[in-house]
Amino acid sequence: RDVRVFAGCSNALLRPAVNASFCHGNDGLAGASLPMPTMALEKQHAVDFLIQSLEEAEEPLTLAMTAPLTNLAVALCKAPHIVDLIKE
């Protein structure tokens, strides 16, 4: 309930987004019952948060990303130098 959430890009960059709603449901969680968030959605865009987090880290970070990777792609276009701040 105390995890910060940042809204990211709403569309894929080069083609329509593909999802697995047939398997995971329209919410991506197959209808799992989760507690409602107690924190408001952050005002900062996810791309800017990603860039800032990489720049402020003391060492290169390992990113555990889930598809699609649109936010990462936009972050790399917006701030190409962050490529050196990503360990893997």
PDB file of N, CA and C in Angstrom:
ATOM      1  N   ARG A   1       0.801  -1.207   0.000  1.00  0.00           N
ATOM      2  CA  ARG A   1       0.000   0.000   0.000  1.00  0.00           C
ATOM      3  C   ARG A   1       0.837   1.262   0.000  1.00  0.00           C
ATOM      4  N   ASP A   2       2.137   1.135   0.246  1.00  0.00           N
ATOM      5  CA  ASP A   2       2.968   2.333   0.311  1.00  0.00           C
ATOM      6  C   ASP A   2       3.965   2.426  -0.844  1.00  0.00           C
ATOM      7  N   VAL A   3       3.681   1.742  -1.934  1.00  0.00           N
ATOM      8  CA  VAL A   3       4.538   1.793  -3.114  1.00  0.00           C
ATOM      9  C   VAL A   3       4.098   2.951  -4.002  1.00  0.00           C
ATOM     10  N   ARG A   4       5.037   3.808  -4.344  1.00  0.00           N
ATOM     11  CA  ARG A   4       4.722   4.953  -5.207  1.00  0.00           C
ATOM     12  C   ARG A   4       4.450   4.457  -6.628  1.00  0.00           C
ATOM     13  N   VAL A   5       3.459   5.036  -7.279  1.00  0.00           N
ATOM     14  CA  VAL A   5       3.073   4.642  -8.633  1.00  0.00           C
ATOM     15  C   VAL A   5       3.120   5.869  -9.532  1.00  0.00           C
ATOM     16  N   PHE A   6       3.750   5.708 -10.696  1.00  0.00           N
ATOM     17  CA  PHE A   6       3.908   6.781 -11.664  1.00  0.00           C
ATOM     18  C   PHE A   6       3.246   6.350 -12.970  1.00  0.00           C
ATOM     19  N   ALA A   7       2.386   7.182 -13.499  1.00  0.00           N
ATOM     20  CA  ALA A   7       1.777   6.885 -14.790  1.00  0.00           C
ATOM     21  C   ALA A   7       2.824   7.063 -15.882  1.00  0.00           C
ATOM     22  N   GLY A   8       2.811   6.156 -16.831  1.00  0.00           N
ATOM     23  CA  GLY A   8       3.768   6.220 -17.927  1.00  0.00           C
ATOM     24  C   GLY A   8       3.090   6.473 -19.257  1.00  0.00           C
ATOM     25  N   CYS A   9       3.750   6.061 -20.305  1.00  0.00           N
ATOM     26  CA  CYS A   9       3.237   6.252 -21.665  1.00  0.00           C
ATOM     27  C   CYS A   9       1.963   5.434 -21.854  1.00  0.00           C
ATOM     28  N   SER A  10       0.995   6.030 -22.499  1.00  0.00           N
ATOM     29  CA  SER A  10      -0.290   5.354 -22.667  1.00  0.00           C
ATOM     30  C   SER A  10      -0.376   4.536 -23.948  1.00  0.00           C
ATOM     31  N   ASN A  11       0.574   4.713 -24.862  1.00  0.00           N
ATOM     32  CA  ASN A  11       0.547   3.990 -26.135  1.00  0.00           C
ATOM     33  C   ASN A  11       1.928   3.448 -26.464  1.00  0.00           C
ATOM     34  N   ALA A  12       1.938   2.388 -27.244  1.00  0.00           N
ATOM     35  CA  ALA A  12       3.195   1.862 -27.771  1.00  0.00           C
ATOM     36  C   ALA A  12       3.744   2.849 -28.801  1.00  0.00           C
ATOM     37  N   LEU A  13       5.030   2.757 -29.087  1.00  0.00           N
ATOM     38  CA  LEU A  13       5.653   3.712 -30.008  1.00  0.00           C
ATOM     39  C   LEU A  13       5.434   3.405 -31.483  1.00  0.00           C
ATOM     40  N   LEU A  14       5.597   2.159 -31.878  1.00  0.00           N
ATOM     41  CA  LEU A  14       5.647   1.855 -33.299  1.00  0.00           C
ATOM     42  C   LEU A  14       4.494   1.013 -33.827  1.00  0.00           C
ATOM     43  N   ARG A  15       3.729   0.411 -32.944  1.00  0.00           N
ATOM     44  CA  ARG A  15       2.617  -0.423 -33.397  1.00  0.00           C
ATOM     45  C   ARG A  15       1.589  -0.488 -32.279  1.00  0.00           C
ATOM     46  N   PRO A  16       0.403  -0.941 -32.586  1.00  0.00           N
ATOM     47  CA  PRO A  16      -0.592  -1.074 -31.515  1.00  0.00           C
ATOM     48  C   PRO A  16      -0.075  -2.023 -30.421  1.00  0.00           C
ATOM     49  N   ALA A  17      -0.410  -1.697 -29.198  1.00  0.00           N
ATOM     50  CA  ALA A  17       0.016  -2.528 -28.073  1.00  0.00           C
ATOM     51  C   ALA A  17      -0.621  -3.912 -28.164  1.00  0.00           C
ATOM     52  N   VAL A  18       0.115  -4.930 -27.764  1.00  0.00           N
ATOM     53  CA  VAL A  18      -0.369  -6.303 -27.716  1.00  0.00           C
ATOM     54  C   VAL A  18      -0.409  -6.694 -26.244  1.00  0.00           C
ATOM     55  N   ASN A  19      -1.492  -7.302 -25.813  1.00  0.00           N
ATOM     56  CA  ASN A  19      -1.566  -7.729 -24.423  1.00  0.00           C
ATOM     57  C   ASN A  19      -2.047  -9.164 -24.327  1.00  0.00           C
ATOM     58  N   ALA A  20      -2.091  -9.670 -23.139  1.00  0.00           N
ATOM     59  CA  ALA A  20      -2.527 -11.047 -22.899  1.00  0.00           C
ATOM     60  C   ALA A  20      -3.809 -11.050 -22.075  1.00  0.00           C
ATOM     61  N   SER A  21      -4.743 -10.162 -22.437  1.00  0.00           N
ATOM     62  CA  SER A  21      -5.993 -10.086 -21.684  1.00  0.00           C
ATOM     63  C   SER A  21      -6.769 -11.399 -21.745  1.00  0.00           C
ATOM     64  N   PHE A  22      -6.570 -12.184 -22.789  1.00  0.00           N
ATOM     65  CA  PHE A  22      -7.228 -13.482 -22.901  1.00  0.00           C
ATOM     66  C   PHE A  22      -6.792 -14.421 -21.776  1.00  0.00           C
ATOM     67  N   CYS A  23      -5.628 -14.169 -21.240  1.00  0.00           N
ATOM     68  CA  CYS A  23      -5.075 -15.021 -20.183  1.00  0.00           C
ATOM     69  C   CYS A  23      -5.126 -14.334 -18.820  1.00  0.00           C
ATOM     70  N   HIS A  24      -4.778 -13.059 -18.798  1.00  0.00           N
ATOM     71  CA  HIS A  24      -4.626 -12.330 -17.536  1.00  0.00           C
ATOM     72  C   HIS A  24      -5.784 -11.381 -17.236  1.00  0.00           C
ATOM     73  N   GLY A  25      -6.810 -11.365 -18.058  1.00  0.00           N
ATOM     74  CA  GLY A  25      -7.953 -10.484 -17.835  1.00  0.00           C
ATOM     75  C   GLY A  25      -7.670  -9.059 -18.263  1.00  0.00           C
ATOM     76  N   ASN A  26      -8.699  -8.241 -18.272  1.00  0.00           N
ATOM     77  CA  ASN A  26      -8.559  -6.847 -18.715  1.00  0.00           C
ATOM     78  C   ASN A  26      -7.706  -6.006 -17.772  1.00  0.00           C
ATOM     79  N   ASP A  27      -7.598  -6.426 -16.514  1.00  0.00           N
ATOM     80  CA  ASP A  27      -6.800  -5.648 -15.564  1.00  0.00           C
ATOM     81  C   ASP A  27      -5.359  -6.154 -15.467  1.00  0.00           C
ATOM     82  N   GLY A  28      -5.017  -7.205 -16.201  1.00  0.00           N
ATOM     83  CA  GLY A  28      -3.666  -7.754 -16.177  1.00  0.00           C
ATOM     84  C   GLY A  28      -3.378  -8.599 -14.959  1.00  0.00           C
ATOM     85  N   LEU A  29      -4.348  -8.740 -14.081  1.00  0.00           N
ATOM     86  CA  LEU A  29      -4.145  -9.496 -12.842  1.00  0.00           C
ATOM     87  C   LEU A  29      -5.142 -10.634 -12.701  1.00  0.00           C
ATOM     88  N   ALA A  30      -5.828 -10.960 -13.786  1.00  0.00           N
ATOM     89  CA  ALA A  30      -6.807 -12.054 -13.811  1.00  0.00           C
ATOM     90  C   ALA A  30      -7.854 -11.897 -12.709  1.00  0.00           C
ATOM     91  N   GLY A  31      -8.222 -10.650 -12.426  1.00  0.00           N
ATOM     92  CA  GLY A  31      -9.263 -10.408 -11.442  1.00  0.00           C
ATOM     93  C   GLY A  31      -8.830 -10.584  -9.995  1.00  0.00           C
ATOM     94  N   ALA A  32      -7.535 -10.581  -9.737  1.00  0.00           N
ATOM     95  CA  ALA A  32      -7.048 -10.738  -8.365  1.00  0.00           C
ATOM     96  C   ALA A  32      -7.611  -9.630  -7.485  1.00  0.00           C
ATOM     97  N   SER A  33      -7.957  -9.972  -6.281  1.00  0.00           N
ATOM     98  CA  SER A  33      -8.493  -8.989  -5.347  1.00  0.00           C
ATOM     99  C   SER A  33      -7.340  -8.393  -4.547  1.00  0.00           C
ATOM    100  N   LEU A  34      -7.053  -7.130  -4.809  1.00  0.00           N
ATOM    101  CA  LEU A  34      -5.958  -6.437  -4.133  1.00  0.00           C
ATOM    102  C   LEU A  34      -6.511  -5.270  -3.341  1.00  0.00           C
ATOM    103  N   PRO A  35      -5.819  -4.880  -2.268  1.00  0.00           N
ATOM    104  CA  PRO A  35      -6.293  -3.711  -1.517  1.00  0.00           C
ATOM    105  C   PRO A  35      -6.201  -2.453  -2.361  1.00  0.00           C
ATOM    106  N   MET A  36      -7.068  -1.531  -2.105  1.00  0.00           N
ATOM    107  CA  MET A  36      -7.050  -0.254  -2.807  1.00  0.00           C
ATOM    108  C   MET A  36      -5.810   0.530  -2.383  1.00  0.00           C
ATOM    109  N   PRO A  37      -5.236   1.297  -3.287  1.00  0.00           N
ATOM    110  CA  PRO A  37      -4.061   2.094  -2.930  1.00  0.00           C
ATOM    111  C   PRO A  37      -4.400   3.112  -1.839  1.00  0.00           C
ATOM    112  N   THR A  38      -3.426   3.384  -1.019  1.00  0.00           N
ATOM    113  CA  THR A  38      -3.615   4.410   0.014  1.00  0.00           C
ATOM    114  C   THR A  38      -2.877   5.685  -0.359  1.00  0.00           C
ATOM    115  N   MET A  39      -2.054   5.614  -1.389  1.00  0.00           N
ATOM    116  CA  MET A  39      -1.291   6.776  -1.841  1.00  0.00           C
ATOM    117  C   MET A  39      -1.831   7.229  -3.193  1.00  0.00           C
ATOM    118  N   ALA A  40      -1.814   8.510  -3.433  1.00  0.00           N
ATOM    119  CA  ALA A  40      -2.255   9.048  -4.718  1.00  0.00           C
ATOM    120  C   ALA A  40      -1.204   8.758  -5.794  1.00  0.00           C
ATOM    121  N   LEU A  41      -1.656   8.733  -7.036  1.00  0.00           N
ATOM    122  CA  LEU A  41      -0.752   8.600  -8.168  1.00  0.00           C
ATOM    123  C   LEU A  41       0.218   9.773  -8.147  1.00  0.00           C
ATOM    124  N   GLU A  42       1.496   9.495  -8.353  1.00  0.00           N
ATOM    125  CA  GLU A  42       2.512  10.554  -8.355  1.00  0.00           C
ATOM    126  C   GLU A  42       2.269  11.498  -9.530  1.00  0.00           C
ATOM    127  N   LYS A  43       2.627  12.757  -9.367  1.00  0.00           N
ATOM    128  CA  LYS A  43       2.445  13.747 -10.430  1.00  0.00           C
ATOM    129  C   LYS A  43       3.523  13.645 -11.497  1.00  0.00           C
ATOM    130  N   GLN A  44       4.704  13.185 -11.125  1.00  0.00           N
ATOM    131  CA  GLN A  44       5.821  13.060 -12.066  1.00  0.00           C
ATOM    132  C   GLN A  44       5.548  11.912 -13.041  1.00  0.00           C
ATOM    133  N   HIS A  45       5.907  12.093 -14.294  1.00  0.00           N
ATOM    134  CA  HIS A  45       5.740  11.053 -15.304  1.00  0.00           C
ATOM    135  C   HIS A  45       6.747   9.933 -15.052  1.00  0.00           C
ATOM    136  N   ALA A  46       6.358   8.708 -15.357  1.00  0.00           N
ATOM    137  CA  ALA A  46       7.212   7.545 -15.126  1.00  0.00           C
ATOM    138  C   ALA A  46       8.557   7.656 -15.856  1.00  0.00           C
ATOM    139  N   VAL A  47       8.552   8.221 -17.058  1.00  0.00           N
ATOM    140  CA  VAL A  47       9.803   8.379 -17.815  1.00  0.00           C
ATOM    141  C   VAL A  47      10.766   9.289 -17.066  1.00  0.00           C
ATOM    142  N   ASP A  48      10.265  10.389 -16.568  1.00  0.00           N
ATOM    143  CA  ASP A  48      11.116  11.325 -15.828  1.00  0.00           C
ATOM    144  C   ASP A  48      11.591  10.726 -14.508  1.00  0.00           C
ATOM    145  N   PHE A  49      10.733   9.946 -13.859  1.00  0.00           N
ATOM    146  CA  PHE A  49      11.136   9.269 -12.626  1.00  0.00           C
ATOM    147  C   PHE A  49      12.244   8.256 -12.907  1.00  0.00           C
ATOM    148  N   LEU A  50      12.125   7.532 -14.010  1.00  0.00           N
ATOM    149  CA  LEU A  50      13.152   6.556 -14.373  1.00  0.00           C
ATOM    150  C   LEU A  50      14.492   7.247 -14.624  1.00  0.00           C
ATOM    151  N   ILE A  51      14.473   8.316 -15.394  1.00  0.00           N
ATOM    152  CA  ILE A  51      15.704   9.066 -15.670  1.00  0.00           C
ATOM    153  C   ILE A  51      16.303   9.597 -14.370  1.00  0.00           C
ATOM    154  N   GLN A  52      15.488  10.210 -13.550  1.00  0.00           N
ATOM    155  CA  GLN A  52      15.968  10.769 -12.279  1.00  0.00           C
ATOM    156  C   GLN A  52      16.547   9.686 -11.378  1.00  0.00           C
ATOM    157  N   SER A  53      15.884   8.557 -11.288  1.00  0.00           N
ATOM    158  CA  SER A  53      16.356   7.463 -10.428  1.00  0.00           C
ATOM    159  C   SER A  53      17.707   6.947 -10.887  1.00  0.00           C
ATOM    160  N   LEU A  54      17.884   6.809 -12.192  1.00  0.00           N
ATOM    161  CA  LEU A  54      19.167   6.347 -12.720  1.00  0.00           C
ATOM    162  C   LEU A  54      20.263   7.370 -12.461  1.00  0.00           C
ATOM    163  N   GLU A  55      19.945   8.637 -12.663  1.00  0.00           N
ATOM    164  CA  GLU A  55      20.943   9.692 -12.465  1.00  0.00           C
ATOM    165  C   GLU A  55      21.344   9.844 -11.001  1.00  0.00           C
ATOM    166  N   GLU A  56      20.439   9.583 -10.091  1.00  0.00           N
ATOM    167  CA  GLU A  56      20.721   9.769  -8.668  1.00  0.00           C
ATOM    168  C   GLU A  56      21.332   8.540  -7.996  1.00  0.00           C
ATOM    169  N   ALA A  57      21.302   7.403  -8.662  1.00  0.00           N
ATOM    170  CA  ALA A  57      21.842   6.174  -8.073  1.00  0.00           C
ATOM    171  C   ALA A  57      23.358   6.272  -7.937  1.00  0.00           C
ATOM    172  N   GLU A  58      23.894   5.655  -6.903  1.00  0.00           N
ATOM    173  CA  GLU A  58      25.331   5.696  -6.655  1.00  0.00           C
ATOM    174  C   GLU A  58      26.113   4.782  -7.587  1.00  0.00           C
ATOM    175  N   GLU A  59      25.437   3.834  -8.182  1.00  0.00           N
ATOM    176  CA  GLU A  59      26.071   2.909  -9.129  1.00  0.00           C
ATOM    177  C   GLU A  59      25.028   2.495 -10.161  1.00  0.00           C
ATOM    178  N   PRO A  60      25.460   1.936 -11.296  1.00  0.00           N
ATOM    179  CA  PRO A  60      24.494   1.512 -12.318  1.00  0.00           C
ATOM    180  C   PRO A  60      23.456   0.545 -11.732  1.00  0.00           C
ATOM    181  N   LEU A  61      22.234   0.674 -12.191  1.00  0.00           N
ATOM    182  CA  LEU A  61      21.118  -0.117 -11.669  1.00  0.00           C
ATOM    183  C   LEU A  61      20.740  -1.253 -12.603  1.00  0.00           C
ATOM    184  N   THR A  62      20.245  -2.326 -12.018  1.00  0.00           N
ATOM    185  CA  THR A  62      19.617  -3.403 -12.770  1.00  0.00           C
ATOM    186  C   THR A  62      18.136  -3.095 -12.828  1.00  0.00           C
ATOM    187  N   LEU A  63      17.572  -3.049 -14.023  1.00  0.00           N
ATOM    188  CA  LEU A  63      16.153  -2.769 -14.204  1.00  0.00           C
ATOM    189  C   LEU A  63      15.394  -4.077 -14.401  1.00  0.00           C
ATOM    190  N   ALA A  64      14.352  -4.274 -13.649  1.00  0.00           N
ATOM    191  CA  ALA A  64      13.462  -5.424 -13.820  1.00  0.00           C
ATOM    192  C   ALA A  64      12.192  -4.880 -14.463  1.00  0.00           C
ATOM    193  N   MET A  65      12.140  -4.947 -15.766  1.00  0.00           N
ATOM    194  CA  MET A  65      11.060  -4.320 -16.529  1.00  0.00           C
ATOM    195  C   MET A  65      10.044  -5.378 -16.971  1.00  0.00           C
ATOM    196  N   THR A  66       8.806  -4.936 -17.129  1.00  0.00           N
ATOM    197  CA  THR A  66       7.783  -5.781 -17.728  1.00  0.00           C
ATOM    198  C   THR A  66       7.364  -5.130 -19.043  1.00  0.00           C
ATOM    199  N   ALA A  67       6.964  -5.946 -19.978  1.00  0.00           N
ATOM    200  CA  ALA A  67       6.602  -5.436 -21.296  1.00  0.00           C
ATOM    201  C   ALA A  67       5.289  -4.688 -21.225  1.00  0.00           C
ATOM    202  N   PRO A  68       5.040  -3.746 -22.099  1.00  0.00           N
ATOM    203  CA  PRO A  68       5.954  -3.207 -23.094  1.00  0.00           C
ATOM    204  C   PRO A  68       6.988  -2.278 -22.456  1.00  0.00           C
ATOM    205  N   LEU A  69       8.047  -2.034 -23.165  1.00  0.00           N
ATOM    206  CA  LEU A  69       9.159  -1.241 -22.640  1.00  0.00           C
ATOM    207  C   LEU A  69       9.145   0.195 -23.154  1.00  0.00           C
ATOM    208  N   THR A  70       7.968   0.710 -23.422  1.00  0.00           N
ATOM    209  CA  THR A  70       7.815   2.052 -23.978  1.00  0.00           C
ATOM    210  C   THR A  70       8.442   3.116 -23.080  1.00  0.00           C
ATOM    211  N   ASN A  71       8.222   3.043 -21.774  1.00  0.00           N
ATOM    212  CA  ASN A  71       8.787   4.058 -20.875  1.00  0.00           C
ATOM    213  C   ASN A  71      10.310   4.056 -20.936  1.00  0.00           C
ATOM    214  N   LEU A  72      10.911   2.893 -21.003  1.00  0.00           N
ATOM    215  CA  LEU A  72      12.370   2.814 -21.116  1.00  0.00           C
ATOM    216  C   LEU A  72      12.829   3.375 -22.457  1.00  0.00           C
ATOM    217  N   ALA A  73      12.145   3.036 -23.528  1.00  0.00           N
ATOM    218  CA  ALA A  73      12.514   3.542 -24.853  1.00  0.00           C
ATOM    219  C   ALA A  73      12.446   5.069 -24.895  1.00  0.00           C
ATOM    220  N   VAL A  74      11.394   5.638 -24.339  1.00  0.00           N
ATOM    221  CA  VAL A  74      11.248   7.094 -24.332  1.00  0.00           C
ATOM    222  C   VAL A  74      12.322   7.716 -23.447  1.00  0.00           C
ATOM    223  N   ALA A  75      12.617   7.097 -22.312  1.00  0.00           N
ATOM    224  CA  ALA A  75      13.674   7.609 -21.424  1.00  0.00           C
ATOM    225  C   ALA A  75      15.022   7.622 -22.146  1.00  0.00           C
ATOM    226  N   LEU A  76      15.322   6.579 -22.899  1.00  0.00           N
ATOM    227  CA  LEU A  76      16.595   6.515 -23.639  1.00  0.00           C
ATOM    228  C   LEU A  76      16.640   7.548 -24.760  1.00  0.00           C
ATOM    229  N   CYS A  77      15.509   7.832 -25.383  1.00  0.00           N
ATOM    230  CA  CYS A  77      15.468   8.881 -26.409  1.00  0.00           C
ATOM    231  C   CYS A  77      15.630  10.265 -25.783  1.00  0.00           C
ATOM    232  N   LYS A  78      14.992  10.469 -24.649  1.00  0.00           N
ATOM    233  CA  LYS A  78      15.006  11.765 -23.982  1.00  0.00           C
ATOM    234  C   LYS A  78      16.353  12.055 -23.314  1.00  0.00           C
ATOM    235  N   ALA A  79      16.997  11.014 -22.780  1.00  0.00           N
ATOM    236  CA  ALA A  79      18.263  11.180 -22.046  1.00  0.00           C
ATOM    237  C   ALA A  79      19.203  10.028 -22.398  1.00  0.00           C
ATOM    238  N   PRO A  80      19.781  10.042 -23.607  1.00  0.00           N
ATOM    239  CA  PRO A  80      20.611   8.921 -24.068  1.00  0.00           C
ATOM    240  C   PRO A  80      21.747   8.537 -23.130  1.00  0.00           C
ATOM    241  N   HIS A  81      22.225   9.491 -22.333  1.00  0.00           N
ATOM    242  CA  HIS A  81      23.345   9.207 -21.416  1.00  0.00           C
ATOM    243  C   HIS A  81      22.991   8.162 -20.354  1.00  0.00           C
ATOM    244  N   ILE A  82      21.707   7.923 -20.119  1.00  0.00           N
ATOM    245  CA  ILE A  82      21.334   6.969 -19.061  1.00  0.00           C
ATOM    246  C   ILE A  82      21.701   5.534 -19.410  1.00  0.00           C
ATOM    247  N   VAL A  83      21.999   5.277 -20.682  1.00  0.00           N
ATOM    248  CA  VAL A  83      22.378   3.915 -21.059  1.00  0.00           C
ATOM    249  C   VAL A  83      23.577   3.438 -20.227  1.00  0.00           C
ATOM    250  N   ASP A  84      24.468   4.351 -19.906  1.00  0.00           N
ATOM    251  CA  ASP A  84      25.641   4.000 -19.102  1.00  0.00           C
ATOM    252  C   ASP A  84      25.317   3.839 -17.625  1.00  0.00           C
ATOM    253  N   LEU A  85      24.107   4.204 -17.225  1.00  0.00           N
ATOM    254  CA  LEU A  85      23.699   4.108 -15.831  1.00  0.00           C
ATOM    255  C   LEU A  85      22.878   2.859 -15.564  1.00  0.00           C
ATOM    256  N   ILE A  86      22.711   2.039 -16.608  1.00  0.00           N
ATOM    257  CA  ILE A  86      21.945   0.793 -16.495  1.00  0.00           C
ATOM    258  C   ILE A  86      22.928  -0.368 -16.523  1.00  0.00           C
ATOM    259  N   LYS A  87      22.941  -1.140 -15.434  1.00  0.00           N
ATOM    260  CA  LYS A  87      23.846  -2.288 -15.355  1.00  0.00           C
ATOM    261  C   LYS A  87      23.350  -3.411 -16.263  1.00  0.00           C
ATOM    262  N   GLU A  88      22.076  -3.722 -16.133  1.00  0.00           N
ATOM    263  CA  GLU A  88      21.461  -4.765 -16.968  1.00  0.00           C
ATOM    264  C   GLU A  88      19.965  -4.610 -16.943  1.00  0.00           C
TER     265      GLU A  88
END
